[in-house]
């Protein structure tokens, strides 16, 4: 298992530069108010991943699953690149490399990265504890977790995504009243969709 884990880590290192490109490209598209392209890239990438899993996993096992995630990121980069190519001449930095805005952004990145690291370590700890249980426990835990994002993304994610555009536009204008109203509307919308979805997941947990 250790040898397999090392091989998978080496394989998935490709996702590091791909992930950086994806985040940067999505930020540029959203800055240009091309929200539909950023959203479409995730849809296309998910479809590519499903196809890649079906084709690769039976023949290559876990390595096929890892390769499918690389395919997902490659598809995302491709869609975003096409989207960026359709934009007019985009942002050319004119300020010094470490101007106050850049330093502020780096500080914010450090804060977000720290919280993300804690979240990832928490996930890894769960897997480590599960590995102390009988054989198959980690796989069973992973299967159970797979159903939660389906309901979460389809319900809460779909409800929240349109709210992001309202929030970003209000923030760009500095309109706090519109921002506050959009935030309250978003909370109500997400709660309206998520609570029935949670009840449905609880009710369907055994047949699923």
C-alpha atoms as a PDB file:
ATOM      1  CA  UNK A   1       0.000   0.000   0.000  1.00  0.00           C
ATOM      2  CA  UNK A   2       2.887   2.352   0.727  1.00  0.00           C
ATOM      3  CA  UNK A   3       4.376   1.794  -2.716  1.00  0.00           C
ATOM      4  CA  UNK A   4       0.999   2.428  -4.351  1.00  0.00           C
ATOM      5  CA  UNK A   5       0.512   5.626  -2.346  1.00  0.00           C
ATOM      6  CA  UNK A   6       3.950   6.913  -3.404  1.00  0.00           C
ATOM      7  CA  UNK A   7       3.181   6.145  -7.068  1.00  0.00           C
ATOM      8  CA  UNK A   8      -0.167   7.940  -6.871  1.00  0.00           C
ATOM      9  CA  UNK A   9       1.366  11.002  -5.204  1.00  0.00           C
ATOM     10  CA  UNK A  10       3.961  11.247  -7.976  1.00  0.00           C
ATOM     11  CA  UNK A  11       1.267  10.874 -10.607  1.00  0.00           C
ATOM     12  CA  UNK A  12      -1.008  13.481  -9.040  1.00  0.00           C
ATOM     13  CA  UNK A  13       1.772  16.072  -8.703  1.00  0.00           C
ATOM     14  CA  UNK A  14       0.834  17.061 -12.259  1.00  0.00           C
ATOM     15  CA  UNK A  15      -2.318  18.575 -10.768  1.00  0.00           C
ATOM     16  CA  UNK A  16      -0.340  21.213  -8.845  1.00  0.00           C
ATOM     17  CA  UNK A  17       0.543  23.453 -11.827  1.00  0.00           C
ATOM     18  CA  UNK A  18      -2.769  22.614 -13.505  1.00  0.00           C
ATOM     19  CA  UNK A  19      -4.677  23.651 -10.383  1.00  0.00           C
ATOM     20  CA  UNK A  20      -2.757  26.932 -10.174  1.00  0.00           C
ATOM     21  CA  UNK A  21      -3.607  27.716 -13.801  1.00  0.00           C
ATOM     22  CA  UNK A  22      -7.271  26.890 -13.180  1.00  0.00           C
ATOM     23  CA  UNK A  23      -7.591  29.217 -10.187  1.00  0.00           C
ATOM     24  CA  UNK A  24      -5.802  32.038 -12.016  1.00  0.00           C
ATOM     25  CA  UNK A  25      -7.863  31.649 -15.194  1.00  0.00           C
ATOM     26  CA  UNK A  26     -11.149  31.524 -13.283  1.00  0.00           C
ATOM     27  CA  UNK A  27     -10.202  34.676 -11.404  1.00  0.00           C
ATOM     28  CA  UNK A  28      -9.510  36.490 -14.679  1.00  0.00           C
ATOM     29  CA  UNK A  29     -12.771  35.331 -16.241  1.00  0.00           C
ATOM     30  CA  UNK A  30     -14.788  36.365 -13.209  1.00  0.00           C
ATOM     31  CA  UNK A  31     -12.979  39.709 -13.143  1.00  0.00           C
ATOM     32  CA  UNK A  32     -14.197  40.186 -16.731  1.00  0.00           C
ATOM     33  CA  UNK A  33     -17.726  39.128 -15.687  1.00  0.00           C
ATOM     34  CA  UNK A  34     -17.564  35.948 -17.761  1.00  0.00           C
ATOM     35  CA  UNK A  35     -19.108  33.846 -15.012  1.00  0.00           C
ATOM     36  CA  UNK A  36     -20.714  31.381 -17.424  1.00  0.00           C
ATOM     37  CA  UNK A  37     -17.328  30.284 -18.784  1.00  0.00           C
ATOM     38  CA  UNK A  38     -15.939  29.628 -15.314  1.00  0.00           C
ATOM     39  CA  UNK A  39     -19.014  27.557 -14.488  1.00  0.00           C
ATOM     40  CA  UNK A  40     -19.003  25.715 -17.822  1.00  0.00           C
ATOM     41  CA  UNK A  41     -15.409  24.621 -17.307  1.00  0.00           C
ATOM     42  CA  UNK A  42     -16.412  22.679 -14.181  1.00  0.00           C
ATOM     43  CA  UNK A  43     -19.274  20.959 -16.027  1.00  0.00           C
ATOM     44  CA  UNK A  44     -17.112  19.938 -18.982  1.00  0.00           C
ATOM     45  CA  UNK A  45     -14.328  18.765 -16.672  1.00  0.00           C
ATOM     46  CA  UNK A  46     -16.731  16.616 -14.630  1.00  0.00           C
ATOM     47  CA  UNK A  47     -18.049  14.946 -17.780  1.00  0.00           C
ATOM     48  CA  UNK A  48     -14.476  14.261 -18.925  1.00  0.00           C
ATOM     49  CA  UNK A  49     -13.645  12.759 -15.543  1.00  0.00           C
ATOM     50  CA  UNK A  50     -16.677  10.448 -15.631  1.00  0.00           C
ATOM     51  CA  UNK A  51     -15.731   9.195 -19.101  1.00  0.00           C
ATOM     52  CA  UNK A  52     -12.073   8.783 -18.087  1.00  0.00           C
ATOM     53  CA  UNK A  53     -13.017   6.792 -14.976  1.00  0.00           C
ATOM     54  CA  UNK A  54     -15.264   4.464 -16.982  1.00  0.00           C
ATOM     55  CA  UNK A  55     -12.541   3.884 -19.582  1.00  0.00           C
ATOM     56  CA  UNK A  56      -9.430   3.766 -17.395  1.00  0.00           C
ATOM     57  CA  UNK A  57     -10.445   2.397 -13.987  1.00  0.00           C
ATOM     58  CA  UNK A  58     -11.369  -1.171 -15.078  1.00  0.00           C
ATOM     59  CA  UNK A  59      -8.018  -1.593 -16.830  1.00  0.00           C
ATOM     60  CA  UNK A  60      -5.659   0.420 -14.610  1.00  0.00           C
ATOM     61  CA  UNK A  61      -7.372   0.345 -11.215  1.00  0.00           C
ATOM     62  CA  UNK A  62      -6.528   3.121  -8.792  1.00  0.00           C
ATOM     63  CA  UNK A  63      -3.959   4.557 -11.186  1.00  0.00           C
ATOM     64  CA  UNK A  64      -6.778   4.940 -13.706  1.00  0.00           C
ATOM     65  CA  UNK A  65      -8.766   6.942 -11.172  1.00  0.00           C
ATOM     66  CA  UNK A  66      -5.773   9.198 -10.570  1.00  0.00           C
ATOM     67  CA  UNK A  67      -5.311   9.665 -14.305  1.00  0.00           C
ATOM     68  CA  UNK A  68      -8.989  10.612 -14.566  1.00  0.00           C
ATOM     69  CA  UNK A  69      -8.473  13.498 -12.129  1.00  0.00           C
ATOM     70  CA  UNK A  70      -5.595  14.716 -14.289  1.00  0.00           C
ATOM     71  CA  UNK A  71      -7.932  14.526 -17.277  1.00  0.00           C
ATOM     72  CA  UNK A  72     -10.450  16.605 -15.358  1.00  0.00           C
ATOM     73  CA  UNK A  73      -7.923  19.358 -14.749  1.00  0.00           C
ATOM     74  CA  UNK A  74      -6.627  19.240 -18.321  1.00  0.00           C
ATOM     75  CA  UNK A  75     -10.173  19.641 -19.630  1.00  0.00           C
ATOM     76  CA  UNK A  76     -10.742  22.564 -17.257  1.00  0.00           C
ATOM     77  CA  UNK A  77      -7.562  24.296 -18.426  1.00  0.00           C
ATOM     78  CA  UNK A  78      -8.586  23.765 -22.054  1.00  0.00           C
ATOM     79  CA  UNK A  79     -12.057  25.279 -21.602  1.00  0.00           C
ATOM     80  CA  UNK A  80     -10.705  28.213 -19.616  1.00  0.00           C
ATOM     81  CA  UNK A  81      -7.991  28.831 -22.203  1.00  0.00           C
ATOM     82  CA  UNK A  82     -10.605  29.016 -24.940  1.00  0.00           C
ATOM     83  CA  UNK A  83     -12.573  31.442 -22.773  1.00  0.00           C
ATOM     84  CA  UNK A  84      -9.554  33.649 -22.134  1.00  0.00           C
ATOM     85  CA  UNK A  85      -8.690  33.661 -25.830  1.00  0.00           C
ATOM     86  CA  UNK A  86     -12.103  35.186 -26.578  1.00  0.00           C
ATOM     87  CA  UNK A  87     -11.512  38.084 -24.204  1.00  0.00           C
ATOM     88  CA  UNK A  88     -10.134  41.413 -25.322  1.00  0.00           C
ATOM     89  CA  UNK A  89      -6.618  42.337 -24.224  1.00  0.00           C
ATOM     90  CA  UNK A  90      -6.653  41.470 -20.539  1.00  0.00           C
ATOM     91  CA  UNK A  91      -4.988  42.724 -17.439  1.00  0.00           C
ATOM     92  CA  UNK A  92      -1.393  43.883 -17.921  1.00  0.00           C
ATOM     93  CA  UNK A  93       0.188  44.684 -14.551  1.00  0.00           C
ATOM     94  CA  UNK A  94       1.564  48.205 -14.427  1.00  0.00           C
ATOM     95  CA  UNK A  95       2.233  48.442 -10.706  1.00  0.00           C
ATOM     96  CA  UNK A  96       5.444  47.344  -8.951  1.00  0.00           C
ATOM     97  CA  UNK A  97       5.598  43.658  -8.182  1.00  0.00           C
ATOM     98  CA  UNK A  98       5.135  44.089  -4.433  1.00  0.00           C
ATOM     99  CA  UNK A  99       2.857  47.084  -4.242  1.00  0.00           C
ATOM    100  CA  UNK A 100       0.471  47.404  -1.248  1.00  0.00           C
ATOM    101  CA  UNK A 101      -2.362  45.615  -3.071  1.00  0.00           C
ATOM    102  CA  UNK A 102      -0.115  42.649  -3.847  1.00  0.00           C
ATOM    103  CA  UNK A 103       1.077  42.425  -0.249  1.00  0.00           C
ATOM    104  CA  UNK A 104      -2.504  42.530   0.962  1.00  0.00           C
ATOM    105  CA  UNK A 105      -3.421  39.728  -1.443  1.00  0.00           C
ATOM    106  CA  UNK A 106      -0.468  37.640  -0.276  1.00  0.00           C
ATOM    107  CA  UNK A 107      -1.522  38.062   3.361  1.00  0.00           C
ATOM    108  CA  UNK A 108      -5.063  36.993   2.474  1.00  0.00           C
ATOM    109  CA  UNK A 109      -3.673  33.991   0.568  1.00  0.00           C
ATOM    110  CA  UNK A 110      -1.666  32.992   3.640  1.00  0.00           C
ATOM    111  CA  UNK A 111      -4.772  33.109   5.839  1.00  0.00           C
ATOM    112  CA  UNK A 112      -6.885  31.109   3.400  1.00  0.00           C
ATOM    113  CA  UNK A 113      -4.046  28.639   2.828  1.00  0.00           C
ATOM    114  CA  UNK A 114      -3.640  28.080   6.555  1.00  0.00           C
ATOM    115  CA  UNK A 115      -7.323  27.276   7.013  1.00  0.00           C
ATOM    116  CA  UNK A 116      -7.224  25.034   3.930  1.00  0.00           C
ATOM    117  CA  UNK A 117      -4.248  23.152   5.353  1.00  0.00           C
ATOM    118  CA  UNK A 118      -6.121  22.519   8.602  1.00  0.00           C
ATOM    119  CA  UNK A 119      -9.084  21.226   6.590  1.00  0.00           C
ATOM    120  CA  UNK A 120      -6.886  18.873   4.552  1.00  0.00           C
ATOM    121  CA  UNK A 121      -5.132  17.592   7.675  1.00  0.00           C
ATOM    122  CA  UNK A 122      -8.527  16.935   9.240  1.00  0.00           C
ATOM    123  CA  UNK A 123      -9.528  14.909   6.183  1.00  0.00           C
ATOM    124  CA  UNK A 124      -6.248  12.958   6.300  1.00  0.00           C
ATOM    125  CA  UNK A 125      -6.730  12.290  10.013  1.00  0.00           C
ATOM    126  CA  UNK A 126     -10.182  10.846   9.363  1.00  0.00           C
ATOM    127  CA  UNK A 127      -8.667   8.508   6.776  1.00  0.00           C
ATOM    128  CA  UNK A 128      -5.885   7.517   9.172  1.00  0.00           C
ATOM    129  CA  UNK A 129      -8.327   6.624  11.943  1.00  0.00           C
ATOM    130  CA  UNK A 130     -10.488   4.734   9.465  1.00  0.00           C
ATOM    131  CA  UNK A 131      -7.440   2.757   8.339  1.00  0.00           C
ATOM    132  CA  UNK A 132      -7.226   1.335  11.878  1.00  0.00           C
ATOM    133  CA  UNK A 133     -10.685  -0.197  11.429  1.00  0.00           C
ATOM    134  CA  UNK A 134     -11.395  -3.507   9.661  1.00  0.00           C
ATOM    135  CA  UNK A 135     -10.490  -3.920   5.994  1.00  0.00           C
ATOM    136  CA  UNK A 136     -12.691  -1.941   3.636  1.00  0.00           C
ATOM    137  CA  UNK A 137     -13.538   0.803   6.154  1.00  0.00           C
ATOM    138  CA  UNK A 138     -11.749   3.569   4.224  1.00  0.00           C
ATOM    139  CA  UNK A 139     -13.543   2.585   1.024  1.00  0.00           C
ATOM    140  CA  UNK A 140     -16.890   2.491   2.836  1.00  0.00           C
ATOM    141  CA  UNK A 141     -16.219   5.920   4.326  1.00  0.00           C
ATOM    142  CA  UNK A 142     -15.310   7.261   0.886  1.00  0.00           C
ATOM    143  CA  UNK A 143     -18.527   5.864  -0.606  1.00  0.00           C
ATOM    144  CA  UNK A 144     -20.594   7.508   2.126  1.00  0.00           C
ATOM    145  CA  UNK A 145     -18.852  10.845   1.535  1.00  0.00           C
ATOM    146  CA  UNK A 146     -19.469  10.616  -2.208  1.00  0.00           C
ATOM    147  CA  UNK A 147     -23.229  10.914  -1.772  1.00  0.00           C
ATOM    148  CA  UNK A 148     -23.090  14.054   0.345  1.00  0.00           C
ATOM    149  CA  UNK A 149     -21.475  16.280  -2.339  1.00  0.00           C
ATOM    150  CA  UNK A 150     -24.069  15.151  -4.895  1.00  0.00           C
ATOM    151  CA  UNK A 151     -26.874  16.633  -2.822  1.00  0.00           C
ATOM    152  CA  UNK A 152     -24.755  19.561  -1.664  1.00  0.00           C
ATOM    153  CA  UNK A 153     -23.566  20.646  -5.112  1.00  0.00           C
ATOM    154  CA  UNK A 154     -26.834  19.994  -6.936  1.00  0.00           C
ATOM    155  CA  UNK A 155     -28.899  21.813  -4.312  1.00  0.00           C
ATOM    156  CA  UNK A 156     -26.906  24.360  -2.313  1.00  0.00           C
ATOM    157  CA  UNK A 157     -24.222  24.888  -4.953  1.00  0.00           C
ATOM    158  CA  UNK A 158     -26.767  25.522  -7.676  1.00  0.00           C
ATOM    159  CA  UNK A 159     -28.681  27.911  -5.444  1.00  0.00           C
ATOM    160  CA  UNK A 160     -25.600  29.810  -4.293  1.00  0.00           C
ATOM    161  CA  UNK A 161     -23.826  30.226  -7.631  1.00  0.00           C
ATOM    162  CA  UNK A 162     -26.144  32.955  -9.019  1.00  0.00           C
ATOM    163  CA  UNK A 163     -25.832  34.789  -5.711  1.00  0.00           C
ATOM    164  CA  UNK A 164     -22.042  34.976  -6.160  1.00  0.00           C
ATOM    165  CA  UNK A 165     -22.461  37.182  -9.217  1.00  0.00           C
ATOM    166  CA  UNK A 166     -24.705  39.611  -7.330  1.00  0.00           C
ATOM    167  CA  UNK A 167     -22.283  39.697  -4.407  1.00  0.00           C
ATOM    168  CA  UNK A 168     -19.220  40.297  -6.597  1.00  0.00           C
ATOM    169  CA  UNK A 169     -20.871  43.078  -8.592  1.00  0.00           C
ATOM    170  CA  UNK A 170     -22.118  44.799  -5.435  1.00  0.00           C
ATOM    171  CA  UNK A 171     -18.657  44.492  -3.876  1.00  0.00           C
ATOM    172  CA  UNK A 172     -17.018  45.914  -7.009  1.00  0.00           C
ATOM    173  CA  UNK A 173     -19.315  48.950  -6.833  1.00  0.00           C
ATOM    174  CA  UNK A 174     -18.861  49.275  -3.085  1.00  0.00           C
ATOM    175  CA  UNK A 175     -22.645  49.077  -2.632  1.00  0.00           C
ATOM    176  CA  UNK A 176     -22.999  47.633   0.868  1.00  0.00           C
ATOM    177  CA  UNK A 177     -26.805  47.777   0.896  1.00  0.00           C
ATOM    178  CA  UNK A 178     -27.137  45.681  -2.260  1.00  0.00           C
ATOM    179  CA  UNK A 179     -24.422  43.347  -0.967  1.00  0.00           C
ATOM    180  CA  UNK A 180     -26.264  42.864   2.323  1.00  0.00           C
ATOM    181  CA  UNK A 181     -29.580  42.256   0.552  1.00  0.00           C
ATOM    182  CA  UNK A 182     -27.989  39.724  -1.817  1.00  0.00           C
ATOM    183  CA  UNK A 183     -26.325  37.931   1.091  1.00  0.00           C
ATOM    184  CA  UNK A 184     -29.589  37.658   3.022  1.00  0.00           C
ATOM    185  CA  UNK A 185     -31.413  36.470  -0.097  1.00  0.00           C
ATOM    186  CA  UNK A 186     -28.692  33.910  -0.693  1.00  0.00           C
ATOM    187  CA  UNK A 187     -28.937  32.519   2.831  1.00  0.00           C
ATOM    188  CA  UNK A 188     -32.706  32.145   2.496  1.00  0.00           C
ATOM    189  CA  UNK A 189     -32.416  30.509  -0.905  1.00  0.00           C
ATOM    190  CA  UNK A 190     -29.758  28.036   0.222  1.00  0.00           C
ATOM    191  CA  UNK A 191     -31.718  27.152   3.368  1.00  0.00           C
ATOM    192  CA  UNK A 192     -34.900  26.688   1.339  1.00  0.00           C
ATOM    193  CA  UNK A 193     -33.158  24.202  -0.958  1.00  0.00           C
ATOM    194  CA  UNK A 194     -30.719  22.562   1.450  1.00  0.00           C
ATOM    195  CA  UNK A 195     -33.053  21.597   4.286  1.00  0.00           C
ATOM    196  CA  UNK A 196     -35.330  19.415   2.093  1.00  0.00           C
ATOM    197  CA  UNK A 197     -32.227  17.978   0.409  1.00  0.00           C
ATOM    198  CA  UNK A 198     -30.783  17.006   3.804  1.00  0.00           C
ATOM    199  CA  UNK A 199     -34.055  15.338   4.777  1.00  0.00           C
ATOM    200  CA  UNK A 200     -34.129  13.503   1.445  1.00  0.00           C
ATOM    201  CA  UNK A 201     -30.563  12.264   1.896  1.00  0.00           C
ATOM    202  CA  UNK A 202     -31.360  11.033   5.410  1.00  0.00           C
ATOM    203  CA  UNK A 203     -34.434   9.208   4.142  1.00  0.00           C
ATOM    204  CA  UNK A 204     -32.646   7.627   1.188  1.00  0.00           C
ATOM    205  CA  UNK A 205     -29.425   6.782   3.039  1.00  0.00           C
ATOM    206  CA  UNK A 206     -30.211   3.055   3.424  1.00  0.00           C
ATOM    207  CA  UNK A 207     -31.270   2.336  -0.189  1.00  0.00           C
ATOM    208  CA  UNK A 208     -28.395   4.463  -1.501  1.00  0.00           C
END
